[in-house]
Amino acid sequence: MEDIREVEKLVASDRCDVCGAQAYIRVQLDSGELLFCAHHGNANKEKLQPLIINWHDQSEELNQK
């Protein structure tokens, strides 16, 4: 569910709102934005689905390191 607008790339200083690990997923909602590590993003995606405006996932970068 990627929005056609360009989304700013997440960097190492972006941290998961749940656990503080490096964020690889940015979720835009009407009420604001959430950052998640790959684990917590995938764990919460189904619950957030009705509220998501944009789901930006960079977790493919985990395999490139």
Protein backbone atom coordinates (compact mmCIF):
# COMPACT_ATOMS: atom_id res chain seq x y z
CA MET A 1 0.00 0.00 0.00
CA GLU A 2 2.59 2.52 -1.16
CA ASP A 3 1.41 6.05 -1.82
CA ILE A 4 2.51 7.62 -5.13
CA ARG A 5 4.01 10.62 -3.31
CA GLU A 6 7.73 10.40 -2.58
CA VAL A 7 8.40 9.47 1.02
CA GLU A 8 11.54 10.55 2.86
CA LYS A 9 13.90 7.61 3.33
CA LEU A 10 14.25 6.30 6.88
CA VAL A 11 17.76 6.56 8.34
CA ALA A 12 19.60 4.89 11.24
CA SER A 13 18.48 7.60 13.69
CA ASP A 14 14.79 6.81 13.00
CA ARG A 15 13.70 4.48 15.81
CA CYS A 16 10.77 2.10 16.33
CA ASP A 17 8.03 3.66 18.47
CA VAL A 18 7.56 0.33 20.26
CA CYS A 19 11.05 -0.96 21.07
CA GLY A 20 13.57 1.67 19.97
CA ALA A 21 15.25 -0.51 17.32
CA GLN A 22 16.07 0.99 13.92
CA ALA A 23 12.86 1.81 12.05
CA TYR A 24 12.32 0.32 8.61
CA ILE A 25 8.59 1.03 8.31
CA ARG A 26 6.83 4.42 8.36
CA VAL A 27 3.05 4.39 8.66
CA GLN A 28 1.11 7.55 7.91
CA LEU A 29 -2.29 7.90 9.56
CA ASP A 30 -4.76 10.80 9.70
CA SER A 31 -3.60 11.41 13.26
CA GLY A 32 0.14 11.41 12.47
CA GLU A 33 2.88 8.92 11.75
CA LEU A 34 4.30 5.83 13.41
CA LEU A 35 7.74 4.31 12.95
CA PHE A 36 8.32 0.59 13.38
CA CYS A 37 11.13 -1.92 13.15
CA ALA A 38 10.29 -4.69 10.66
CA HIS A 39 9.07 -6.99 13.46
CA HIS A 40 6.63 -4.54 15.05
CA GLY A 41 5.49 -3.16 11.70
CA ASN A 42 4.47 -6.59 10.49
CA ALA A 43 2.95 -7.45 13.88
CA ASN A 44 0.71 -4.34 13.79
CA LYS A 45 -0.11 -4.06 10.08
CA GLU A 46 -3.40 -5.96 10.23
CA LYS A 47 -4.69 -3.91 13.21
CA LEU A 48 -3.72 -0.63 11.56
CA GLN A 49 -4.97 -1.52 8.06
CA PRO A 50 -8.27 0.43 8.28
CA LEU A 51 -6.41 3.61 9.36
CA ILE A 52 -3.40 3.56 7.01
CA ILE A 53 -2.94 6.38 4.53
CA ASN A 54 0.53 5.29 3.46
CA TRP A 55 2.72 2.29 4.34
CA HIS A 56 6.39 2.88 3.50
CA ASP A 57 8.45 -0.29 4.01
CA GLN A 58 12.24 -0.35 3.68
CA SER A 59 12.70 -3.70 5.41
CA GLU A 60 14.26 -5.20 2.24
CA GLU A 61 17.38 -3.25 3.29
CA LEU A 62 17.81 -5.65 6.24
CA ASN A 63 19.14 -8.31 3.87
CA GLN A 64 21.60 -5.91 2.24
CA LYS A 65 23.71 -5.30 5.34
